[in-house]
C-alpha cells in the first residue's frame, strides 16, 4: 500500500476556499453535501450531466449548475474555471473496463484543476484493506486517489470511507432489500471479514472538515465507532428493523453465486451488485492514528453507532441526512419505515407479505430522532 509521500506537517494549506465545485452533484453524497456547504456560506458550483435534475431539489435554486460529463474534456475545463476547491465524487461500477475508465477520468479532471489554479481537491474513496489483495472495486478507488494526488493540485485530501450507512446508499439498500425480502438468509464465509461502517452524516462531517482544515496532501480514514463482521451488520439491520429472519452460516460460496441472486432479489443495478460483492470479503477497518477523529479535530460530534445510523436511515423520506432523499435513485427504499417507534409496512408487492403485520419496536430499540445538522463547527 502506498505511503502518504506528501505528508509533511509543516506544509500548510491556504485559507478555506469560498467558491467550491461539487462533481456528482445529483448523486447520493453530493446531493447531501451541497446543503451543508450552502449553509456554511460557500458559493457552490454544482456539476452534473443534466443540470435540470437539480431544479426539483430544495437547494437547486441556490447553486450555480453547470453541465459536466466527466468524459468531455471541454466541459470539465469549463466547470473548474474560477473555483478555489473541488470535490471529486465520481466513480463507476459498470462494465469490465470501469477501473481503466475511472483512472482516465480522474487524470483529465486533475489536470484541468491544476491548469485552472484550483488549490484543493477533496476525494471520497474507500478504505484500503489490510494485505496486498484488493477487490477490483477497492483497487480502482485507490488508483483514482493516487492519480489525483499526482495531478499537480497543491493539496489533495483523500477520504477513505468505510461502508456508508444511510437510506439511498447502495450498500445499505443491498442489506435492506436482502433482509426484507428473504425469510431465510445465507451468510457466506467471506462475510466474516471485519468492517468499520460509517453513517453518511459522519462522512459529510469529514467532507466539510477536509475542505476547511489546514491540511497538507494526505489520506484520512472515515469510519464509525463499531467494528463488526458483515454478517453482524446484516443481522443488526434485521434486529433494528424488527424483522425476524433465519440466518444460515455457509462456508465457501463463489462470489458469482451470491451476486446473481442478490441482483434479482434486491432489484439493484446488476453491475453495481457484481462490483460490490467481492469487497464484502475485505477487512475494512480504519488505520490507527489515521481516522477523521485524529486528523480532523474540528469535528466535534460523536460518530453514530451502527444501530443509531440504521434507525435514522429507516425514518420516512426527508427526515434528515440519514433518511431517503428525493434525489436518491428510484430503486432506493424499502418495504418498511419506522414511525413513532412502530414498524410500518409501506410496500404493496408480494415481497411485503413476507414481513408480517405491523408491530411496535421495543422501547430500548425505539428509533432516534432525525439527526440534527451535524455540520462541523468553524
Protein backbone atom coordinates (compact mmCIF):
# COMPACT_ATOMS: atom_id res chain seq x y z
CA UNK A 1 0.00 0.00 0.00
CA UNK A 2 1.41 3.36 -0.98
CA UNK A 3 2.51 5.57 1.88
CA UNK A 4 1.48 9.21 2.15
CA UNK A 5 4.57 10.60 0.43
CA UNK A 6 3.31 14.18 0.74
CA UNK A 7 2.51 14.02 4.47
CA UNK A 8 4.58 16.91 5.82
CA UNK A 9 3.19 18.51 8.99
CA UNK A 10 5.00 21.72 8.12
CA UNK A 11 3.15 22.04 4.80
CA UNK A 12 0.03 24.10 5.38
CA UNK A 13 -2.97 24.63 3.13
CA UNK A 14 -4.21 28.12 2.29
CA UNK A 15 -7.25 29.69 3.94
CA UNK A 16 -10.57 27.87 3.44
CA UNK A 17 -11.94 28.41 -0.09
CA UNK A 18 -15.21 30.16 -0.80
CA UNK A 19 -16.07 29.04 -4.35
CA UNK A 20 -16.40 25.26 -4.43
CA UNK A 21 -17.15 22.84 -7.25
CA UNK A 22 -19.08 19.67 -6.38
CA UNK A 23 -18.99 16.94 -9.02
CA UNK A 24 -21.69 14.29 -8.92
CA UNK A 25 -23.99 16.96 -7.50
CA UNK A 26 -27.15 14.91 -8.02
CA UNK A 27 -25.63 11.74 -6.57
CA UNK A 28 -26.06 10.16 -3.17
CA UNK A 29 -23.23 12.00 -1.42
CA UNK A 30 -23.17 15.18 -3.49
CA UNK A 31 -26.87 15.94 -3.02
CA UNK A 32 -26.42 15.72 0.76
CA UNK A 33 -23.13 17.62 0.86
CA UNK A 34 -24.30 20.67 -1.06
CA UNK A 35 -26.84 21.86 1.56
CA UNK A 36 -24.08 21.67 4.17
CA UNK A 37 -21.82 23.88 2.07
CA UNK A 38 -24.58 26.37 1.30
CA UNK A 39 -25.46 26.68 4.97
CA UNK A 40 -21.81 27.49 5.69
CA UNK A 41 -21.80 30.33 3.17
CA UNK A 42 -19.96 28.73 0.26
CA UNK A 43 -20.61 29.67 -3.35
CA UNK A 44 -21.37 26.22 -4.77
CA UNK A 45 -20.91 25.21 -8.39
CA UNK A 46 -22.91 22.03 -8.93
CA UNK A 47 -21.56 19.91 -11.80
CA UNK A 48 -23.94 17.35 -13.23
CA UNK A 49 -24.60 15.83 -16.63
CA UNK A 50 -28.14 17.22 -16.77
CA UNK A 51 -28.49 20.47 -14.77
CA UNK A 52 -32.27 20.27 -14.98
CA UNK A 53 -32.07 17.38 -12.49
CA UNK A 54 -31.34 19.93 -9.79
CA UNK A 55 -34.38 22.11 -10.39
CA UNK A 56 -36.71 19.94 -8.32
CA UNK A 57 -34.36 19.79 -5.33
CA UNK A 58 -34.89 22.12 -2.40
CA UNK A 59 -31.48 23.72 -2.81
CA UNK A 60 -31.45 23.73 -6.61
CA UNK A 61 -32.03 27.47 -6.96
CA UNK A 62 -29.20 28.30 -4.54
CA UNK A 63 -26.36 26.85 -6.63
CA UNK A 64 -24.79 27.59 -9.98
CA UNK A 65 -25.48 24.48 -12.05
CA UNK A 66 -23.04 23.62 -14.82
CA UNK A 67 -23.25 20.75 -17.30
CA UNK A 68 -20.33 18.36 -16.92
CA UNK A 69 -19.84 14.96 -18.43
CA UNK A 70 -16.53 13.77 -16.95
CA UNK A 71 -15.70 12.16 -20.30
CA UNK A 72 -15.94 15.53 -22.08
CA UNK A 73 -12.66 17.45 -21.54
CA UNK A 74 -14.12 20.77 -22.68
CA UNK A 75 -16.97 20.57 -20.19
CA UNK A 76 -14.54 19.62 -17.41
CA UNK A 77 -12.25 22.56 -18.23
CA UNK A 78 -15.19 24.95 -18.21
CA UNK A 79 -16.57 23.62 -14.92
CA UNK A 80 -13.33 24.07 -12.97
CA UNK A 81 -12.67 27.66 -14.07
CA UNK A 82 -12.65 30.17 -11.22
CA UNK A 83 -13.14 27.73 -8.35
CA UNK A 84 -10.95 27.57 -5.25
CA UNK A 85 -11.58 23.93 -4.42
CA UNK A 86 -13.33 20.90 -5.88
CA UNK A 87 -14.92 17.72 -4.61
CA UNK A 88 -14.37 14.64 -6.75
CA UNK A 89 -17.31 12.35 -6.03
CA UNK A 90 -17.36 10.40 -9.27
CA UNK A 91 -16.89 6.68 -9.77
CA UNK A 92 -18.41 3.93 -11.85
CA UNK A 93 -19.03 0.22 -11.46
CA UNK A 94 -20.40 -0.56 -14.89
CA UNK A 95 -18.70 -2.83 -17.36
CA UNK A 96 -15.47 -4.79 -17.33
CA UNK A 97 -13.33 -1.73 -18.02
CA UNK A 98 -14.68 0.52 -15.28
CA UNK A 99 -11.32 0.72 -13.47
CA UNK A 100 -9.44 1.99 -16.51
CA UNK A 101 -12.22 4.45 -17.25
CA UNK A 102 -12.18 5.80 -13.70
CA UNK A 103 -8.44 6.42 -13.82
CA UNK A 104 -8.65 8.16 -17.21
CA UNK A 105 -11.44 10.44 -15.99
CA UNK A 106 -9.51 11.26 -12.81
CA UNK A 107 -6.41 12.14 -14.84
CA UNK A 108 -8.37 14.53 -17.02
CA UNK A 109 -10.12 16.13 -14.06
CA UNK A 110 -6.94 16.54 -12.02
CA UNK A 111 -5.06 18.01 -14.96
CA UNK A 112 -7.87 20.51 -15.64
CA UNK A 113 -7.95 21.54 -11.97
CA UNK A 114 -4.18 22.07 -11.86
CA UNK A 115 -4.24 24.18 -15.02
CA UNK A 116 -7.16 26.26 -13.72
CA UNK A 117 -5.38 27.03 -10.45
CA UNK A 118 -7.65 25.01 -8.16
CA UNK A 119 -5.98 24.95 -4.75
CA UNK A 120 -7.58 21.91 -3.15
CA UNK A 121 -9.18 18.63 -4.21
CA UNK A 122 -11.23 16.50 -1.82
CA UNK A 123 -11.81 12.95 -2.98
CA UNK A 124 -14.15 10.41 -1.38
CA UNK A 125 -12.87 6.89 -1.93
CA UNK A 126 -12.90 3.68 0.09
CA UNK A 127 -10.91 2.12 2.91
CA UNK A 128 -7.83 0.20 1.85
CA UNK A 129 -7.95 -3.36 3.27
CA UNK A 130 -5.05 -4.92 5.10
CA UNK A 131 -2.85 -7.09 2.91
CA UNK A 132 -1.97 -6.91 -0.74
CA UNK A 133 -5.16 -8.32 -2.27
CA UNK A 134 -7.83 -5.81 -3.17
CA UNK A 135 -11.12 -6.36 -4.94
CA UNK A 136 -11.34 -4.62 -8.33
CA UNK A 137 -13.79 -2.15 -6.82
CA UNK A 138 -11.46 -1.09 -3.99
CA UNK A 139 -8.31 -1.25 -6.13
CA UNK A 140 -9.95 1.21 -8.53
CA UNK A 141 -10.73 3.63 -5.69
CA UNK A 142 -7.11 3.58 -4.54
CA UNK A 143 -5.80 4.07 -8.08
CA UNK A 144 -8.06 7.09 -8.56
CA UNK A 145 -6.78 8.52 -5.27
CA UNK A 146 -3.16 8.14 -6.37
CA UNK A 147 -3.96 9.66 -9.77
CA UNK A 148 -5.48 12.75 -8.17
CA UNK A 149 -2.55 13.09 -5.76
CA UNK A 150 -0.19 13.26 -8.71
CA UNK A 151 -2.29 15.82 -10.59
CA UNK A 152 -0.33 18.91 -9.58
CA UNK A 153 -3.10 20.42 -7.43
CA UNK A 154 -1.37 21.86 -4.32
CA UNK A 155 -3.48 19.99 -1.74
CA UNK A 156 -5.34 16.72 -2.31
CA UNK A 157 -7.22 15.25 0.64
CA UNK A 158 -8.42 11.68 0.09
CA UNK A 159 -11.11 10.45 2.44
CA UNK A 160 -11.19 6.66 2.58
CA UNK A 161 -14.66 5.83 3.83
CA UNK A 162 -15.97 2.63 5.29
CA UNK A 163 -19.28 1.14 4.16
CA UNK A 164 -21.75 4.03 4.10
CA UNK A 165 -24.88 3.55 6.19
CA UNK A 166 -27.84 5.64 5.10
CA UNK A 167 -31.07 5.45 3.16
CA UNK A 168 -30.21 5.54 -0.55
CA UNK A 169 -26.66 4.25 -0.09
CA UNK A 170 -26.07 1.26 -2.36
CA UNK A 171 -24.51 -0.81 0.43
CA UNK A 172 -27.35 -0.03 2.81
CA UNK A 173 -30.04 -0.68 0.22
CA UNK A 174 -28.47 -4.05 -0.58
CA UNK A 175 -28.73 -5.07 3.08
CA UNK A 176 -32.21 -3.62 3.44
CA UNK A 177 -33.62 -5.46 0.44
CA UNK A 178 -31.99 -8.80 1.27
CA UNK A 179 -33.30 -8.80 4.83
CA UNK A 180 -36.77 -7.59 3.91
CA UNK A 181 -37.24 -9.99 1.01
CA UNK A 182 -35.59 -13.24 2.13
CA UNK A 183 -37.12 -15.24 5.00
CA UNK A 184 -34.00 -17.45 5.04
CA UNK A 185 -30.74 -15.57 4.59
CA UNK A 186 -27.50 -17.40 3.74
CA UNK A 187 -24.34 -15.74 5.08
CA UNK A 188 -21.27 -16.82 3.07
CA UNK A 189 -17.99 -17.43 4.84
CA UNK A 190 -16.28 -14.47 3.17
CA UNK A 191 -18.66 -12.18 5.10
CA UNK A 192 -16.72 -12.88 8.30
CA UNK A 193 -14.22 -10.14 7.46
CA UNK A 194 -14.02 -7.20 9.89
CA UNK A 195 -15.52 -3.90 8.76
CA UNK A 196 -15.98 -0.44 10.27
CA UNK A 197 -19.09 1.15 8.74
CA UNK A 198 -19.78 4.87 8.90
CA UNK A 199 -23.02 6.84 8.90
CA UNK A 200 -23.47 9.17 5.94
CA UNK A 201 -23.91 12.12 8.31
CA UNK A 202 -20.44 11.42 9.75
CA UNK A 203 -18.96 11.10 6.27
CA UNK A 204 -20.43 14.53 5.50
CA UNK A 205 -18.78 15.92 8.64
CA UNK A 206 -15.45 14.69 7.31
CA UNK A 207 -16.05 16.06 3.82
CA UNK A 208 -16.71 19.55 5.16
CA UNK A 209 -13.79 19.41 7.60
CA UNK A 210 -11.43 18.22 4.85
CA UNK A 211 -12.29 21.34 2.87
CA UNK A 212 -11.63 23.71 5.75
CA UNK A 213 -8.80 22.19 7.78
CA UNK A 214 -5.21 23.42 7.22
CA UNK A 215 -4.04 20.07 5.87
CA UNK A 216 -1.28 19.01 3.52
CA UNK A 217 -1.92 16.37 0.87
CA UNK A 218 -2.92 13.29 2.83
CA UNK A 219 -5.35 10.40 3.19
CA UNK A 220 -7.78 10.04 6.09
CA UNK A 221 -9.88 7.01 7.04
CA UNK A 222 -13.53 7.87 7.68
CA UNK A 223 -15.09 5.27 9.95
CA UNK A 224 -17.69 4.78 12.65
CA UNK A 225 -17.12 3.55 16.22
CA UNK A 226 -18.19 -0.07 15.62
CA UNK A 227 -16.02 -2.90 14.30
CA UNK A 228 -18.02 -5.94 13.25
CA UNK A 229 -18.33 -8.54 10.52
CA UNK A 230 -20.55 -8.06 7.51
CA UNK A 231 -22.62 -10.94 8.88
CA UNK A 232 -23.20 -8.94 12.06
CA UNK A 233 -24.06 -5.87 10.01
CA UNK A 234 -26.84 -7.79 8.26
CA UNK A 235 -28.14 -9.31 11.49
CA UNK A 236 -28.12 -5.90 13.18
CA UNK A 237 -30.30 -4.45 10.43
CA UNK A 238 -32.89 -7.20 10.95
CA UNK A 239 -32.81 -6.55 14.69
CA UNK A 240 -33.23 -2.77 14.39
CA UNK A 241 -35.96 -3.07 11.74
CA UNK A 242 -37.80 -5.65 13.85
CA UNK A 243 -37.78 -8.32 11.15
CA UNK A 244 -37.48 -11.92 12.27
CA UNK A 245 -35.28 -13.88 9.89
CA UNK A 246 -33.39 -17.15 9.93
CA UNK A 247 -29.70 -16.93 9.09
CA UNK A 248 -27.59 -19.77 7.78
CA UNK A 249 -23.82 -19.53 8.01
CA UNK A 250 -22.17 -21.02 4.95
CA UNK A 251 -18.52 -21.82 4.34
CA UNK A 252 -17.38 -21.49 0.74
CA UNK A 253 -19.64 -19.77 -1.74
CA UNK A 254 -18.38 -18.24 -5.03
CA UNK A 255 -18.94 -14.51 -5.41
CA UNK A 256 -20.95 -15.07 -8.59
CA UNK A 257 -23.32 -17.40 -6.75
CA UNK A 258 -24.05 -14.51 -4.38
CA UNK A 259 -24.19 -11.57 -6.80
CA UNK A 260 -26.60 -13.09 -9.34
CA UNK A 261 -29.47 -13.93 -6.92
CA UNK A 262 -28.76 -10.77 -4.91
CA UNK A 263 -29.35 -8.71 -8.06
CA UNK A 264 -32.63 -10.46 -8.79
CA UNK A 265 -33.92 -10.30 -5.22
CA UNK A 266 -32.94 -6.72 -4.45
CA UNK A 267 -33.68 -5.12 -7.82
CA UNK A 268 -30.46 -3.07 -7.57
CA UNK A 269 -28.43 -2.49 -10.76
CA UNK A 270 -26.64 -5.73 -11.69
CA UNK A 271 -23.20 -4.24 -12.47
CA UNK A 272 -23.22 -2.41 -9.15
CA UNK A 273 -24.04 -5.53 -7.15
CA UNK A 274 -21.45 -7.61 -9.01
CA UNK A 275 -18.79 -4.98 -8.28
CA UNK A 276 -19.70 -4.70 -4.59
CA UNK A 277 -19.97 -8.37 -3.61
CA UNK A 278 -16.22 -9.23 -3.81
CA UNK A 279 -15.44 -6.31 -1.47
CA UNK A 280 -17.65 -7.91 1.21
CA UNK A 281 -14.78 -10.26 1.93
CA UNK A 282 -12.26 -7.48 2.61
CA UNK A 283 -11.08 -6.36 6.07
CA UNK A 284 -12.16 -2.71 6.02
CA UNK A 285 -11.08 -1.01 9.24
CA UNK A 286 -9.56 2.38 9.90
CA UNK A 287 -5.82 2.74 10.40
CA UNK A 288 -4.68 3.60 13.91
CA UNK A 289 -3.99 7.32 14.13
CA UNK A 290 -5.27 7.98 10.60
CA UNK A 291 -9.02 8.39 11.17
CA UNK A 292 -11.10 11.53 10.97
CA UNK A 293 -11.27 11.76 14.77
CA UNK A 294 -7.47 12.14 15.00
CA UNK A 295 -6.79 14.24 11.88
CA UNK A 296 -9.86 16.46 11.66
CA UNK A 297 -10.21 17.98 15.15
CA UNK A 298 -12.89 20.44 14.01
CA UNK A 299 -15.35 17.53 14.05
CA UNK A 300 -16.99 17.76 17.47
CA UNK A 301 -19.90 15.34 17.00
CA UNK A 302 -19.50 11.79 18.25
CA UNK A 303 -19.92 9.38 15.31
CA UNK A 304 -23.13 7.38 15.19
CA UNK A 305 -23.13 3.73 16.16
CA UNK A 306 -24.50 1.33 13.55
CA UNK A 307 -27.78 0.86 15.42
CA UNK A 308 -28.30 4.62 15.62
CA UNK A 309 -27.45 5.04 11.95
CA UNK A 310 -29.86 2.25 10.97
CA UNK A 311 -32.72 3.72 12.97
CA UNK A 312 -32.26 7.17 11.47
CA UNK A 313 -31.99 5.61 7.99
CA UNK A 314 -35.37 3.94 8.40
CA UNK A 315 -37.21 7.15 9.14
CA UNK A 316 -39.56 8.49 6.43
CA UNK A 317 -38.12 10.22 3.38
CA UNK A 318 -36.87 13.71 4.09
CA UNK A 319 -36.37 13.09 7.84
CA UNK A 320 -32.71 14.04 7.82
CA UNK A 321 -29.46 13.21 6.08
CA UNK A 322 -29.63 9.55 7.08
CA UNK A 323 -33.08 9.01 5.58
CA UNK A 324 -34.04 8.71 1.93
CA UNK A 325 -33.91 11.90 -0.12
CA UNK A 326 -35.89 12.91 -3.23
CA UNK A 327 -32.53 12.96 -5.05
CA UNK A 328 -31.91 9.25 -4.42
CA UNK A 329 -32.38 6.67 -7.23
CA UNK A 330 -35.83 5.31 -7.96
CA UNK A 331 -34.71 1.83 -6.88
CA UNK A 332 -33.79 3.05 -3.39
CA UNK A 333 -36.13 2.49 -0.47
CA UNK A 334 -37.61 -0.50 1.28
CA UNK A 335 -40.88 -2.01 2.35
CA UNK A 336 -40.86 -0.65 5.88
CA UNK A 337 -40.12 2.59 7.73
CA UNK A 338 -40.04 3.47 11.41
CA UNK A 339 -42.71 5.93 12.51
CA UNK A 340 -43.09 6.93 16.15
CA UNK A 341 -41.42 3.72 17.32
CA UNK A 342 -43.52 1.47 15.10
CA UNK A 343 -42.56 -0.63 12.12
CA UNK A 344 -44.81 0.42 9.25
CA UNK A 345 -45.10 -1.57 6.05
CA UNK A 346 -45.06 0.73 3.01
CA UNK A 347 -44.78 -1.67 0.06
CA UNK A 348 -47.67 -3.34 -1.72
CA UNK A 349 -45.92 -6.11 -3.64
CA UNK A 350 -45.71 -9.81 -2.79
CA UNK A 351 -42.35 -9.21 -1.08
CA UNK A 352 -44.07 -7.30 1.72
CA UNK A 353 -46.29 -10.25 2.61
CA UNK A 354 -43.16 -11.94 3.95
CA UNK A 355 -42.84 -9.21 6.57
CA UNK A 356 -45.98 -9.94 8.56
CA UNK A 357 -48.16 -7.34 10.29
CA UNK A 358 -47.12 -4.11 11.96
CA UNK A 359 -45.68 -4.36 15.45
CA UNK A 360 -44.15 -1.98 17.94
CA UNK A 361 -40.39 -1.75 18.33
CA UNK A 362 -39.31 -2.43 21.91
CA UNK A 363 -38.59 0.66 23.99
CA UNK A 364 -34.85 0.13 24.07
CA UNK A 365 -34.80 0.00 20.30
CA UNK A 366 -37.10 2.90 19.58
CA UNK A 367 -35.84 4.97 16.65
CA UNK A 368 -33.82 8.02 17.49
CA UNK A 369 -34.97 11.42 16.33
CA UNK A 370 -33.68 12.64 12.97
CA UNK A 371 -30.08 13.76 13.46
CA UNK A 372 -29.62 17.46 13.95
CA UNK A 373 -27.41 19.27 11.49
CA UNK A 374 -24.06 17.56 12.13
CA UNK A 375 -22.09 20.26 10.36
CA UNK A 376 -18.63 20.71 11.76
CA UNK A 377 -18.07 23.85 13.75
CA UNK A 378 -15.94 26.57 12.25
